[in-house]
Amino acid sequence: MIKVGIIGTGNIAHVHARSLQNIRGCKVTACCDIVPDKAQAFAAQHGIEQAFTEDQAQDLLASGVDAVCNCTPDGVHAPLSLIAIKAGRHVLCEKPLATNYADARKMAQAAARKGVINMVNFSYRNSAAIHRAAQLVQEGAIGQLMHFEASYLQGWLSSRQYNAPSRLWRLSTRHGSQGVLGDIGVHIVDFATYPAGDVKSLQCRLKTFPKVPGDRVGEYVLDANDSAVITLELAEGGLGTIHTTRWATGQKNSLRLRLFGDAGAIEVDLDRSYETLQVCKGRDVAKAQWKTLKARRTPNMWARFIRSIQTGQNDQPDFARGAAVQKLLDACFKSDTTGKAVKV
């Protein structure tokens, strides 16, 4: 039985707890949070034996857990994951892996030296369609990739749904937010470049729009970016665009990727399905006709994490992948500051 501890008991931690409870061969035995009552309530809700406060993370690690899920805010992903790695615990860390590439690389290197299983929760890798798309590109099914476009759209800013602390911190750099780019842009950057391939250079424009008079709500200064537009050149020569925003009126949580090769094309639209994708190739290219392809269901991130511990074979996306994505995000911030393209 693999014993798992959950560090941080906010909203995403409940997803971790419920997901792990559905997997044979593992059990969540401990949790901790900086707010003691919050940790106790979380433990009671999910039937977890032990609850600790955040400054007792070492006690959680010493409680007999084999692995941890790091569900803390972005700014403490690196220090808490490094503590767990040093203690020899396997780590599934929330995204983004860190708030800068240097810390993310340090995490990846530490995990590799220690030999622990390490994964970052790019949760849209739970889509079977994106894995099938990546396989088709790698097999050459659409020929040379010439162009791609990807988007991750949310609309909760246009509907003014941001009064809760769980939303407000995402709009404030002082509370550790890297804006829409660091919060959901990290997902679409991984989602798009997983099948598209390595990036040679990129140029990015970030924008923060006024929301309330003075752009402040209590302790929260609303200064984090709301929209991001990225133009990318791939190592193999193709061009693409990635854009993400919280001002997409009428959109709840929409991800889409289209890949155009010189011999075919692929579309993955998670609003439509996590398990099917649209493909145009072969004789259908001349007629611009598309067919629906059903992908084989894939185990979710938590199942792959536990399986990796059981087999000793580290599944993807690992910390090295998380660091590679963070390198792209760092380049986006640099590009926005300088107004120039950045080689990566």
C-alpha atoms as a PDB file:
ATOM      1  CA  MET A   1       0.000   0.000   0.000  1.00  0.00           C
ATOM      2  CA  ILE A   2       1.453   3.346  -1.087  1.00  0.00           C
ATOM      3  CA  LYS A   3       0.779   6.016   1.532  1.00  0.00           C
ATOM      4  CA  VAL A   4       0.274   9.551   0.205  1.00  0.00           C
ATOM      5  CA  GLY A   5       0.310  12.899   2.016  1.00  0.00           C
ATOM      6  CA  ILE A   6      -1.330  16.047   0.668  1.00  0.00           C
ATOM      7  CA  ILE A   7       0.410  19.368   1.346  1.00  0.00           C
ATOM      8  CA  GLY A   8      -2.026  22.276   1.106  1.00  0.00           C
ATOM      9  CA  THR A   9      -5.776  21.680   1.387  1.00  0.00           C
ATOM     10  CA  GLY A  10      -7.270  24.292  -0.967  1.00  0.00           C
ATOM     11  CA  ASN A  11      -9.717  23.613  -3.785  1.00  0.00           C
ATOM     12  CA  ILE A  12      -7.399  21.528  -5.974  1.00  0.00           C
ATOM     13  CA  ALA A  13      -6.437  19.333  -3.010  1.00  0.00           C
ATOM     14  CA  HIS A  14      -9.988  17.962  -2.927  1.00  0.00           C
ATOM     15  CA  VAL A  15      -9.545  16.810  -6.535  1.00  0.00           C
ATOM     16  CA  HIS A  16      -6.311  15.057  -5.553  1.00  0.00           C
ATOM     17  CA  ALA A  17      -7.925  13.359  -2.555  1.00  0.00           C
ATOM     18  CA  ARG A  18     -10.969  12.126  -4.479  1.00  0.00           C
ATOM     19  CA  SER A  19      -8.849  10.942  -7.414  1.00  0.00           C
ATOM     20  CA  LEU A  20      -6.439   9.007  -5.202  1.00  0.00           C
ATOM     21  CA  GLN A  21      -9.302   7.355  -3.319  1.00  0.00           C
ATOM     22  CA  ASN A  22     -10.384   5.737  -6.592  1.00  0.00           C
ATOM     23  CA  ILE A  23      -7.005   4.068  -7.182  1.00  0.00           C
ATOM     24  CA  ARG A  24      -6.205   0.626  -5.821  1.00  0.00           C
ATOM     25  CA  GLY A  25      -2.927   0.208  -4.025  1.00  0.00           C
ATOM     26  CA  CYS A  26      -2.728   3.646  -2.445  1.00  0.00           C
ATOM     27  CA  LYS A  27      -4.212   5.541   0.492  1.00  0.00           C
ATOM     28  CA  VAL A  28      -4.118   9.190   1.573  1.00  0.00           C
ATOM     29  CA  THR A  29      -2.928   8.981   5.172  1.00  0.00           C
ATOM     30  CA  ALA A  30      -1.937  12.567   6.028  1.00  0.00           C
ATOM     31  CA  CYS A  31      -2.494  16.200   5.068  1.00  0.00           C
ATOM     32  CA  CYS A  32      -1.278  19.600   6.209  1.00  0.00           C
ATOM     33  CA  ASP A  33      -2.202  23.238   5.780  1.00  0.00           C
ATOM     34  CA  ILE A  34      -1.040  26.561   7.148  1.00  0.00           C
ATOM     35  CA  VAL A  35      -4.526  26.933   8.701  1.00  0.00           C
ATOM     36  CA  PRO A  36      -4.943  24.134  11.305  1.00  0.00           C
ATOM     37  CA  ASP A  37      -8.756  24.114  11.245  1.00  0.00           C
ATOM     38  CA  LYS A  38      -8.681  23.845   7.462  1.00  0.00           C
ATOM     39  CA  ALA A  39      -6.416  20.801   7.608  1.00  0.00           C
ATOM     40  CA  GLN A  40      -8.606  19.158  10.249  1.00  0.00           C
ATOM     41  CA  ALA A  41     -11.776  19.773   8.209  1.00  0.00           C
ATOM     42  CA  PHE A  42     -10.124  18.401   5.071  1.00  0.00           C
ATOM     43  CA  ALA A  43      -8.986  15.285   6.924  1.00  0.00           C
ATOM     44  CA  ALA A  44     -12.467  14.712   8.324  1.00  0.00           C
ATOM     45  CA  GLN A  45     -14.117  15.155   4.932  1.00  0.00           C
ATOM     46  CA  HIS A  46     -11.838  12.658   3.192  1.00  0.00           C
ATOM     47  CA  GLY A  47     -11.270  10.172   6.012  1.00  0.00           C
ATOM     48  CA  ILE A  48      -7.582  11.028   6.403  1.00  0.00           C
ATOM     49  CA  GLU A  49      -5.938   9.775   9.603  1.00  0.00           C
ATOM     50  CA  GLN A  50      -3.498  12.603  10.353  1.00  0.00           C
ATOM     51  CA  ALA A  51      -3.645  16.394   9.883  1.00  0.00           C
ATOM     52  CA  PHE A  52      -0.733  18.776  10.434  1.00  0.00           C
ATOM     53  CA  THR A  53      -0.148  22.515  10.097  1.00  0.00           C
ATOM     54  CA  GLU A  54       2.056  23.848   7.281  1.00  0.00           C
ATOM     55  CA  ASP A  55       5.071  24.371   9.562  1.00  0.00           C
ATOM     56  CA  GLN A  56       4.758  20.696  10.448  1.00  0.00           C
ATOM     57  CA  ALA A  57       5.402  19.543   6.878  1.00  0.00           C
ATOM     58  CA  GLN A  58       8.432  17.696   8.214  1.00  0.00           C
ATOM     59  CA  ASP A  59       6.093  15.854  10.587  1.00  0.00           C
ATOM     60  CA  LEU A  60       3.906  14.883   7.642  1.00  0.00           C
ATOM     61  CA  LEU A  61       6.949  13.533   5.822  1.00  0.00           C
ATOM     62  CA  ALA A  62       7.953  11.593   8.930  1.00  0.00           C
ATOM     63  CA  SER A  63       4.448  10.152   9.379  1.00  0.00           C
ATOM     64  CA  GLY A  64       5.124   7.197   7.104  1.00  0.00           C
ATOM     65  CA  VAL A  65       4.058   8.610   3.737  1.00  0.00           C
ATOM     66  CA  ASP A  66       5.790   7.315   0.616  1.00  0.00           C
ATOM     67  CA  ALA A  67       4.719  10.184  -1.613  1.00  0.00           C
ATOM     68  CA  VAL A  68       3.215  13.664  -1.492  1.00  0.00           C
ATOM     69  CA  CYS A  69       0.928  15.784  -3.627  1.00  0.00           C
ATOM     70  CA  ASN A  70       2.055  19.403  -3.452  1.00  0.00           C
ATOM     71  CA  CYS A  71      -1.169  21.428  -3.700  1.00  0.00           C
ATOM     72  CA  THR A  72       0.169  24.679  -2.250  1.00  0.00           C
ATOM     73  CA  PRO A  73       0.166  28.119  -3.953  1.00  0.00           C
ATOM     74  CA  ASP A  74       2.616  28.585  -6.826  1.00  0.00           C
ATOM     75  CA  GLY A  75       5.243  30.472  -4.828  1.00  0.00           C
ATOM     76  CA  VAL A  76       5.964  27.570  -2.466  1.00  0.00           C
ATOM     77  CA  HIS A  77       5.923  24.709  -4.969  1.00  0.00           C
ATOM     78  CA  ALA A  78       9.723  24.748  -5.173  1.00  0.00           C
ATOM     79  CA  PRO A  79      10.736  24.926  -1.486  1.00  0.00           C
ATOM     80  CA  LEU A  80       8.194  22.364  -0.269  1.00  0.00           C
ATOM     81  CA  SER A  81       8.859  19.947  -3.145  1.00  0.00           C
ATOM     82  CA  LEU A  82      12.598  20.173  -2.500  1.00  0.00           C
ATOM     83  CA  ILE A  83      12.037  19.329   1.176  1.00  0.00           C
ATOM     84  CA  ALA A  84       9.993  16.275   0.163  1.00  0.00           C
ATOM     85  CA  ILE A  85      12.605  15.188  -2.393  1.00  0.00           C
ATOM     86  CA  LYS A  86      15.399  15.535   0.161  1.00  0.00           C
ATOM     87  CA  ALA A  87      13.390  13.239   2.442  1.00  0.00           C
ATOM     88  CA  GLY A  88      13.215  10.673  -0.375  1.00  0.00           C
ATOM     89  CA  ARG A  89       9.500  11.068  -1.073  1.00  0.00           C
ATOM     90  CA  HIS A  90       7.935  10.818  -4.521  1.00  0.00           C
ATOM     91  CA  VAL A  91       6.257  14.077  -5.569  1.00  0.00           C
ATOM     92  CA  LEU A  92       3.284  15.017  -7.713  1.00  0.00           C
ATOM     93  CA  CYS A  93       3.372  18.828  -7.845  1.00  0.00           C
ATOM     94  CA  GLU A  94       0.679  21.189  -9.017  1.00  0.00           C
ATOM     95  CA  LYS A  95       1.403  23.450 -11.963  1.00  0.00           C
ATOM     96  CA  PRO A  96       3.301  25.620 -12.628  1.00  0.00           C
ATOM     97  CA  LEU A  97       6.218  23.587 -11.322  1.00  0.00           C
ATOM     98  CA  ALA A  98       7.850  26.789 -10.025  1.00  0.00           C
ATOM     99  CA  THR A  99       7.627  30.523 -10.600  1.00  0.00           C
ATOM    100  CA  ASN A 100      10.864  30.649 -12.595  1.00  0.00           C
ATOM    101  CA  TYR A 101      12.998  28.337 -14.694  1.00  0.00           C
ATOM    102  CA  ALA A 102      15.977  28.330 -12.299  1.00  0.00           C
ATOM    103  CA  ASP A 103      13.871  26.903  -9.467  1.00  0.00           C
ATOM    104  CA  ALA A 104      12.088  24.453 -11.768  1.00  0.00           C
ATOM    105  CA  ARG A 105      15.416  23.144 -13.091  1.00  0.00           C
ATOM    106  CA  LYS A 106      16.701  22.799  -9.524  1.00  0.00           C
ATOM    107  CA  MET A 107      13.644  20.689  -8.680  1.00  0.00           C
ATOM    108  CA  ALA A 108      14.121  18.457 -11.717  1.00  0.00           C
ATOM    109  CA  GLN A 109      17.807  17.966 -10.976  1.00  0.00           C
ATOM    110  CA  ALA A 110      17.171  17.205  -7.293  1.00  0.00           C
ATOM    111  CA  ALA A 111      14.521  14.602  -8.141  1.00  0.00           C
ATOM    112  CA  ALA A 112      16.816  12.949 -10.682  1.00  0.00           C
ATOM    113  CA  ARG A 113      19.718  12.778  -8.204  1.00  0.00           C
ATOM    114  CA  LYS A 114      17.501  11.344  -5.463  1.00  0.00           C
ATOM    115  CA  GLY A 115      15.839   8.875  -7.826  1.00  0.00           C
ATOM    116  CA  VAL A 116      12.289   9.672  -6.745  1.00  0.00           C
ATOM    117  CA  ILE A 117       9.252   9.626  -9.018  1.00  0.00           C
ATOM    118  CA  ASN A 118       8.384  13.190 -10.016  1.00  0.00           C
ATOM    119  CA  MET A 119       5.418  14.488 -12.001  1.00  0.00           C
ATOM    120  CA  VAL A 120       3.748  17.845 -12.549  1.00  0.00           C
ATOM    121  CA  ASN A 121      -0.049  17.997 -12.726  1.00  0.00           C
ATOM    122  CA  PHE A 122      -0.713  19.211 -16.255  1.00  0.00           C
ATOM    123  CA  SER A 123      -4.239  17.907 -15.824  1.00  0.00           C
ATOM    124  CA  TYR A 124      -5.263  18.198 -19.474  1.00  0.00           C
ATOM    125  CA  ARG A 125      -2.851  15.370 -20.203  1.00  0.00           C
ATOM    126  CA  ASN A 126      -5.787  13.314 -18.855  1.00  0.00           C
ATOM    127  CA  SER A 127      -7.282  13.742 -22.330  1.00  0.00           C
ATOM    128  CA  ALA A 128      -6.778  10.660 -24.458  1.00  0.00           C
ATOM    129  CA  ALA A 129      -7.169  12.827 -27.566  1.00  0.00           C
ATOM    130  CA  ILE A 130      -3.999  14.847 -26.947  1.00  0.00           C
ATOM    131  CA  HIS A 131      -1.906  11.688 -26.572  1.00  0.00           C
ATOM    132  CA  ARG A 132      -3.307  10.327 -29.859  1.00  0.00           C
ATOM    133  CA  ALA A 133      -2.612  13.658 -31.553  1.00  0.00           C
ATOM    134  CA  ALA A 134       1.007  13.600 -30.386  1.00  0.00           C
ATOM    135  CA  GLN A 135       1.368  10.026 -31.623  1.00  0.00           C
ATOM    136  CA  LEU A 136      -0.018  10.910 -35.062  1.00  0.00           C
ATOM    137  CA  VAL A 137       2.384  13.850 -35.426  1.00  0.00           C
ATOM    138  CA  GLN A 138       5.344  11.701 -34.361  1.00  0.00           C
ATOM    139  CA  GLU A 139       4.347   8.993 -36.838  1.00  0.00           C
ATOM    140  CA  GLY A 140       4.274  11.538 -39.668  1.00  0.00           C
ATOM    141  CA  ALA A 141       0.549  11.097 -40.277  1.00  0.00           C
ATOM    142  CA  ILE A 142       0.108  14.782 -41.184  1.00  0.00           C
ATOM    143  CA  GLY A 143       3.535  15.249 -42.728  1.00  0.00           C
ATOM    144  CA  GLN A 144       5.699  18.214 -41.758  1.00  0.00           C
ATOM    145  CA  LEU A 145       4.011  20.482 -39.239  1.00  0.00           C
ATOM    146  CA  MET A 146       3.682  23.893 -40.881  1.00  0.00           C
ATOM    147  CA  HIS A 147       1.357  25.804 -38.584  1.00  0.00           C
ATOM    148  CA  PHE A 148      -0.599  25.414 -35.358  1.00  0.00           C
ATOM    149  CA  GLU A 149      -2.959  27.422 -33.195  1.00  0.00           C
ATOM    150  CA  ALA A 150      -4.045  26.858 -29.613  1.00  0.00           C
ATOM    151  CA  SER A 151      -6.278  28.647 -27.148  1.00  0.00           C
ATOM    152  CA  TYR A 152      -7.380  28.367 -23.534  1.00  0.00           C
ATOM    153  CA  LEU A 153     -10.313  30.673 -22.848  1.00  0.00           C
ATOM    154  CA  GLN A 154     -12.139  31.567 -19.637  1.00  0.00           C
ATOM    155  CA  GLY A 155     -14.702  34.328 -19.155  1.00  0.00           C
ATOM    156  CA  TRP A 156     -15.023  34.885 -15.428  1.00  0.00           C
ATOM    157  CA  LEU A 157     -13.534  38.393 -15.539  1.00  0.00           C
ATOM    158  CA  SER A 158     -16.191  39.622 -17.954  1.00  0.00           C
ATOM    159  CA  SER A 159     -18.878  38.207 -15.644  1.00  0.00           C
ATOM    160  CA  ARG A 160     -17.232  39.912 -12.615  1.00  0.00           C
ATOM    161  CA  GLN A 161     -16.937  36.628 -10.715  1.00  0.00           C
ATOM    162  CA  TYR A 162     -13.794  37.374  -8.747  1.00  0.00           C
ATOM    163  CA  ASN A 163     -14.737  38.507  -5.254  1.00  0.00           C
ATOM    164  CA  ALA A 164     -13.660  35.293  -3.494  1.00  0.00           C
ATOM    165  CA  PRO A 165     -10.028  35.002  -2.250  1.00  0.00           C
ATOM    166  CA  SER A 166      -9.663  31.833  -4.361  1.00  0.00           C
ATOM    167  CA  ARG A 167     -10.101  34.046  -7.436  1.00  0.00           C
ATOM    168  CA  LEU A 168      -8.604  37.335  -6.214  1.00  0.00           C
ATOM    169  CA  TRP A 169      -5.139  35.934  -5.494  1.00  0.00           C
ATOM    170  CA  ARG A 170      -4.925  34.886  -9.153  1.00  0.00           C
ATOM    171  CA  LEU A 171      -5.164  38.567 -10.115  1.00  0.00           C
ATOM    172  CA  SER A 172      -2.442  39.811  -7.744  1.00  0.00           C
ATOM    173  CA  THR A 173       1.300  39.472  -8.263  1.00  0.00           C
ATOM    174  CA  ARG A 174       1.835  40.301  -4.585  1.00  0.00           C
ATOM    175  CA  HIS A 175      -0.016  37.084  -3.743  1.00  0.00           C
ATOM    176  CA  GLY A 176       2.246  34.980  -5.955  1.00  0.00           C
ATOM    177  CA  SER A 177       0.228  35.033  -9.183  1.00  0.00           C
ATOM    178  CA  GLN A 178       1.856  35.108 -12.613  1.00  0.00           C
ATOM    179  CA  GLY A 179      -1.497  36.028 -14.075  1.00  0.00           C
ATOM    180  CA  VAL A 180      -3.393  34.147 -16.738  1.00  0.00           C
ATOM    181  CA  LEU A 181      -0.078  33.118 -18.325  1.00  0.00           C
ATOM    182  CA  GLY A 182       1.163  31.331 -15.207  1.00  0.00           C
ATOM    183  CA  ASP A 183      -2.223  29.993 -14.124  1.00  0.00           C
ATOM    184  CA  ILE A 184      -3.849  28.573 -17.252  1.00  0.00           C
ATOM    185  CA  GLY A 185      -1.379  29.635 -19.932  1.00  0.00           C
ATOM    186  CA  VAL A 186       0.990  27.043 -18.512  1.00  0.00           C
ATOM    187  CA  HIS A 187      -1.591  24.378 -19.397  1.00  0.00           C
ATOM    188  CA  ILE A 188      -2.094  25.444 -23.002  1.00  0.00           C
ATOM    189  CA  VAL A 189       1.652  25.874 -23.571  1.00  0.00           C
ATOM    190  CA  ASP A 190       2.152  22.260 -22.471  1.00  0.00           C
ATOM    191  CA  PHE A 191      -0.957  21.080 -24.338  1.00  0.00           C
ATOM    192  CA  ALA A 192       0.160  22.660 -27.623  1.00  0.00           C
ATOM    193  CA  THR A 193       3.890  21.959 -27.579  1.00  0.00           C
ATOM    194  CA  TYR A 194       3.486  18.350 -26.422  1.00  0.00           C
ATOM    195  CA  PRO A 195       2.451  17.286 -29.954  1.00  0.00           C
ATOM    196  CA  ALA A 196       3.884  20.291 -31.840  1.00  0.00           C
ATOM    197  CA  GLY A 197       7.452  19.856 -30.600  1.00  0.00           C
ATOM    198  CA  ASP A 198      10.338  21.965 -29.341  1.00  0.00           C
ATOM    199  CA  VAL A 199      10.246  25.746 -29.593  1.00  0.00           C
ATOM    200  CA  LYS A 200      13.094  27.730 -31.183  1.00  0.00           C
ATOM    201  CA  SER A 201      11.889  31.249 -30.368  1.00  0.00           C
ATOM    202  CA  LEU A 202       8.793  33.125 -29.273  1.00  0.00           C
ATOM    203  CA  GLN A 203       7.332  36.590 -28.939  1.00  0.00           C
ATOM    204  CA  CYS A 204       4.683  37.417 -26.354  1.00  0.00           C
ATOM    205  CA  ARG A 205       2.367  40.300 -25.505  1.00  0.00           C
ATOM    206  CA  LEU A 206       0.686  40.450 -22.079  1.00  0.00           C
ATOM    207  CA  LYS A 207      -2.146  42.762 -21.097  1.00  0.00           C
ATOM    208  CA  THR A 208      -3.780  43.736 -17.801  1.00  0.00           C
ATOM    209  CA  PHE A 209      -7.167  45.446 -18.091  1.00  0.00           C
ATOM    210  CA  PRO A 210      -8.858  47.715 -15.511  1.00  0.00           C
ATOM    211  CA  LYS A 211     -11.451  45.899 -13.398  1.00  0.00           C
ATOM    212  CA  VAL A 212     -12.513  48.091 -10.476  1.00  0.00           C
ATOM    213  CA  PRO A 213     -11.726  51.694  -9.493  1.00  0.00           C
ATOM    214  CA  GLY A 214      -8.143  51.762  -8.263  1.00  0.00           C
ATOM    215  CA  ASP A 215      -7.717  48.096  -9.297  1.00  0.00           C
ATOM    216  CA  ARG A 216      -7.715  46.995  -5.690  1.00  0.00           C
ATOM    217  CA  VAL A 217     -10.052  44.820  -3.628  1.00  0.00           C
ATOM    218  CA  GLY A 218      -9.040  44.825   0.037  1.00  0.00           C
ATOM    219  CA  GLU A 219      -5.504  43.491   0.316  1.00  0.00           C
ATOM    220  CA  TYR A 220      -5.476  42.370  -3.330  1.00  0.00           C
ATOM    221  CA  VAL A 221      -3.877  44.666  -5.914  1.00  0.00           C
ATOM    222  CA  LEU A 222      -5.253  43.482  -9.273  1.00  0.00           C
ATOM    223  CA  ASP A 223      -2.094  43.862 -11.351  1.00  0.00           C
ATOM    224  CA  ALA A 224      -1.474  40.388 -12.816  1.00  0.00           C
ATOM    225  CA  ASN A 225      -1.857  39.852 -16.567  1.00  0.00           C
ATOM    226  CA  ASP A 226      -5.332  38.951 -17.876  1.00  0.00           C
ATOM    227  CA  SER A 227      -4.556  38.092 -21.508  1.00  0.00           C
ATOM    228  CA  ALA A 228      -1.563  36.633 -23.336  1.00  0.00           C
ATOM    229  CA  VAL A 229      -0.831  36.229 -27.046  1.00  0.00           C
ATOM    230  CA  ILE A 230       2.243  34.212 -28.037  1.00  0.00           C
ATOM    231  CA  THR A 231       3.758  33.664 -31.484  1.00  0.00           C
ATOM    232  CA  LEU A 232       6.150  30.716 -31.675  1.00  0.00           C
ATOM    233  CA  GLU A 233       8.667  29.307 -34.137  1.00  0.00           C
ATOM    234  CA  LEU A 234       9.304  25.595 -33.751  1.00  0.00           C
ATOM    235  CA  ALA A 235      12.720  23.967 -33.892  1.00  0.00           C
ATOM    236  CA  GLU A 236      11.543  22.115 -37.015  1.00  0.00           C
ATOM    237  CA  GLY A 237      10.495  25.367 -38.696  1.00  0.00           C
ATOM    238  CA  GLY A 238       6.736  25.534 -38.194  1.00  0.00           C
ATOM    239  CA  LEU A 239       4.942  28.619 -36.893  1.00  0.00           C
ATOM    240  CA  GLY A 240       2.140  28.819 -34.368  1.00  0.00           C
ATOM    241  CA  THR A 241       0.109  30.960 -32.033  1.00  0.00           C
ATOM    242  CA  ILE A 242      -1.073  30.375 -28.491  1.00  0.00           C
ATOM    243  CA  HIS A 243      -3.480  32.735 -26.778  1.00  0.00           C
ATOM    244  CA  THR A 244      -5.209  32.701 -23.430  1.00  0.00           C
ATOM    245  CA  THR A 245      -7.455  35.079 -21.524  1.00  0.00           C
ATOM    246  CA  ARG A 246      -9.985  35.380 -18.712  1.00  0.00           C
ATOM    247  CA  TRP A 247     -11.947  37.951 -20.724  1.00  0.00           C
ATOM    248  CA  ALA A 248     -13.428  35.435 -23.199  1.00  0.00           C
ATOM    249  CA  THR A 249     -17.066  36.348 -22.639  1.00  0.00           C
ATOM    250  CA  GLY A 250     -19.341  33.323 -22.833  1.00  0.00           C
ATOM    251  CA  GLN A 251     -16.521  30.813 -22.353  1.00  0.00           C
ATOM    252  CA  LYS A 252     -16.331  28.763 -19.165  1.00  0.00           C
ATOM    253  CA  ASN A 253     -13.177  26.679 -19.623  1.00  0.00           C
ATOM    254  CA  SER A 254     -12.358  26.006 -23.262  1.00  0.00           C
ATOM    255  CA  LEU A 255      -9.187  24.428 -24.712  1.00  0.00           C
ATOM    256  CA  ARG A 256      -8.595  23.854 -28.416  1.00  0.00           C
ATOM    257  CA  LEU A 257      -5.585  22.914 -30.540  1.00  0.00           C
ATOM    258  CA  ARG A 258      -5.304  22.697 -34.318  1.00  0.00           C
ATOM    259  CA  LEU A 259      -2.213  21.283 -36.033  1.00  0.00           C
ATOM    260  CA  PHE A 260      -1.704  21.786 -39.774  1.00  0.00           C
ATOM    261  CA  GLY A 261       0.832  19.686 -41.676  1.00  0.00           C
ATOM    262  CA  ASP A 262       1.669  19.539 -45.363  1.00  0.00           C
ATOM    263  CA  ALA A 263      -0.096  16.157 -45.578  1.00  0.00           C
ATOM    264  CA  GLY A 264      -2.931  16.487 -43.070  1.00  0.00           C
ATOM    265  CA  ALA A 265      -4.367  18.209 -40.031  1.00  0.00           C
ATOM    266  CA  ILE A 266      -5.594  17.439 -36.505  1.00  0.00           C
ATOM    267  CA  GLU A 267      -8.009  19.240 -34.206  1.00  0.00           C
ATOM    268  CA  VAL A 268      -8.437  18.577 -30.480  1.00  0.00           C
ATOM    269  CA  ASP A 269     -11.336  20.444 -28.863  1.00  0.00           C
ATOM    270  CA  LEU A 270     -11.924  19.560 -25.222  1.00  0.00           C
ATOM    271  CA  ASP A 271     -15.317  21.280 -25.268  1.00  0.00           C
ATOM    272  CA  ARG A 272     -16.305  18.586 -27.745  1.00  0.00           C
ATOM    273  CA  SER A 273     -14.591  15.576 -26.209  1.00  0.00           C
ATOM    274  CA  TYR A 274     -11.614  14.391 -24.187  1.00  0.00           C
ATOM    275  CA  GLU A 275     -11.478  11.104 -26.103  1.00  0.00           C
ATOM    276  CA  THR A 276     -12.120  11.995 -29.742  1.00  0.00           C
ATOM    277  CA  LEU A 277     -10.237  14.184 -32.201  1.00  0.00           C
ATOM    278  CA  GLN A 278     -10.876  15.407 -35.734  1.00  0.00           C
ATOM    279  CA  VAL A 279      -8.461  14.350 -38.466  1.00  0.00           C
ATOM    280  CA  CYS A 280      -8.089  15.351 -42.124  1.00  0.00           C
ATOM    281  CA  LYS A 281      -5.517  13.302 -44.026  1.00  0.00           C
ATOM    282  CA  GLY A 282      -4.946  11.151 -47.064  1.00  0.00           C
ATOM    283  CA  ARG A 283      -7.640  11.450 -49.728  1.00  0.00           C
ATOM    284  CA  ASP A 284      -9.676  13.742 -47.463  1.00  0.00           C
ATOM    285  CA  VAL A 285      -7.126  16.560 -47.777  1.00  0.00           C
ATOM    286  CA  ALA A 286      -8.112  17.515 -51.334  1.00  0.00           C
ATOM    287  CA  LYS A 287     -11.789  17.634 -50.325  1.00  0.00           C
ATOM    288  CA  ALA A 288     -11.135  19.348 -46.959  1.00  0.00           C
ATOM    289  CA  GLN A 289     -13.131  16.630 -45.226  1.00  0.00           C
ATOM    290  CA  TRP A 290     -12.670  15.678 -41.594  1.00  0.00           C
ATOM    291  CA  LYS A 291     -13.264  12.417 -39.781  1.00  0.00           C
ATOM    292  CA  THR A 292     -13.715  11.696 -36.092  1.00  0.00           C
ATOM    293  CA  LEU A 293     -11.094   9.431 -34.527  1.00  0.00           C
ATOM    294  CA  LYS A 294     -11.685   7.863 -31.114  1.00  0.00           C
ATOM    295  CA  ALA A 295      -8.609   7.547 -28.917  1.00  0.00           C
ATOM    296  CA  ARG A 296      -8.043   4.802 -26.381  1.00  0.00           C
ATOM    297  CA  ARG A 297      -8.802   6.046 -22.869  1.00  0.00           C
ATOM    298  CA  THR A 298      -5.702   6.908 -20.846  1.00  0.00           C
ATOM    299  CA  PRO A 299      -5.193   6.588 -17.065  1.00  0.00           C
ATOM    300  CA  ASN A 300      -5.453   9.940 -15.294  1.00  0.00           C
ATOM    301  CA  MET A 301      -2.491  11.765 -13.789  1.00  0.00           C
ATOM    302  CA  TRP A 302      -2.889  10.257 -10.313  1.00  0.00           C
ATOM    303  CA  ALA A 303      -3.154   6.714 -11.658  1.00  0.00           C
ATOM    304  CA  ARG A 304      -0.001   7.251 -13.708  1.00  0.00           C
ATOM    305  CA  PHE A 305       1.785   8.700 -10.673  1.00  0.00           C
ATOM    306  CA  ILE A 306       0.934   5.691  -8.499  1.00  0.00           C
ATOM    307  CA  ARG A 307       1.791   3.274 -11.309  1.00  0.00           C
ATOM    308  CA  SER A 308       5.158   5.006 -11.727  1.00  0.00           C
ATOM    309  CA  ILE A 309       5.902   4.456  -8.028  1.00  0.00           C
ATOM    310  CA  GLN A 310       4.870   0.816  -8.308  1.00  0.00           C
ATOM    311  CA  THR A 311       6.949   0.113 -11.407  1.00  0.00           C
ATOM    312  CA  GLY A 312       9.846   2.491 -10.829  1.00  0.00           C
ATOM    313  CA  GLN A 313       9.337   3.884 -14.360  1.00  0.00           C
ATOM    314  CA  ASN A 314       8.715   7.639 -14.290  1.00  0.00           C
ATOM    315  CA  ASP A 315       5.772   8.564 -16.524  1.00  0.00           C
ATOM    316  CA  GLN A 316       5.247  11.944 -18.197  1.00  0.00           C
ATOM    317  CA  PRO A 317       4.947  14.845 -17.627  1.00  0.00           C
ATOM    318  CA  ASP A 318       7.890  14.793 -15.234  1.00  0.00           C
ATOM    319  CA  PHE A 319       9.705  17.688 -13.551  1.00  0.00           C
ATOM    320  CA  ALA A 320      12.034  18.036 -16.539  1.00  0.00           C
ATOM    321  CA  ARG A 321       8.986  18.692 -18.713  1.00  0.00           C
ATOM    322  CA  GLY A 322       7.625  21.114 -16.113  1.00  0.00           C
ATOM    323  CA  ALA A 323      10.945  22.973 -16.180  1.00  0.00           C
ATOM    324  CA  ALA A 324      10.925  23.105 -19.986  1.00  0.00           C
ATOM    325  CA  VAL A 325       7.451  24.670 -19.948  1.00  0.00           C
ATOM    326  CA  GLN A 326       8.548  27.139 -17.261  1.00  0.00           C
ATOM    327  CA  LYS A 327      11.475  28.133 -19.484  1.00  0.00           C
ATOM    328  CA  LEU A 328       8.947  29.088 -22.153  1.00  0.00           C
ATOM    329  CA  LEU A 329       6.916  31.115 -19.648  1.00  0.00           C
ATOM    330  CA  ASP A 330      10.053  32.962 -18.523  1.00  0.00           C
ATOM    331  CA  ALA A 331      10.769  33.752 -22.176  1.00  0.00           C
ATOM    332  CA  CYS A 332       7.221  35.106 -22.527  1.00  0.00           C
ATOM    333  CA  PHE A 333       7.712  37.540 -19.650  1.00  0.00           C
ATOM    334  CA  LYS A 334      11.082  38.612 -21.055  1.00  0.00           C
ATOM    335  CA  SER A 335       9.612  39.121 -24.519  1.00  0.00           C
ATOM    336  CA  ASP A 336       6.748  41.213 -23.180  1.00  0.00           C
ATOM    337  CA  THR A 337       9.196  43.395 -21.244  1.00  0.00           C
ATOM    338  CA  THR A 338      11.617  43.911 -24.142  1.00  0.00           C
ATOM    339  CA  GLY A 339       9.079  43.902 -26.978  1.00  0.00           C
ATOM    340  CA  LYS A 340      11.321  41.480 -28.875  1.00  0.00           C
ATOM    341  CA  ALA A 341      11.381  37.810 -29.820  1.00  0.00           C
ATOM    342  CA  VAL A 342      13.332  35.579 -27.432  1.00  0.00           C
ATOM    343  CA  LYS A 343      15.341  32.501 -28.394  1.00  0.00           C
ATOM    344  CA  VAL A 344      14.728  29.500 -26.152  1.00  0.00           C
END
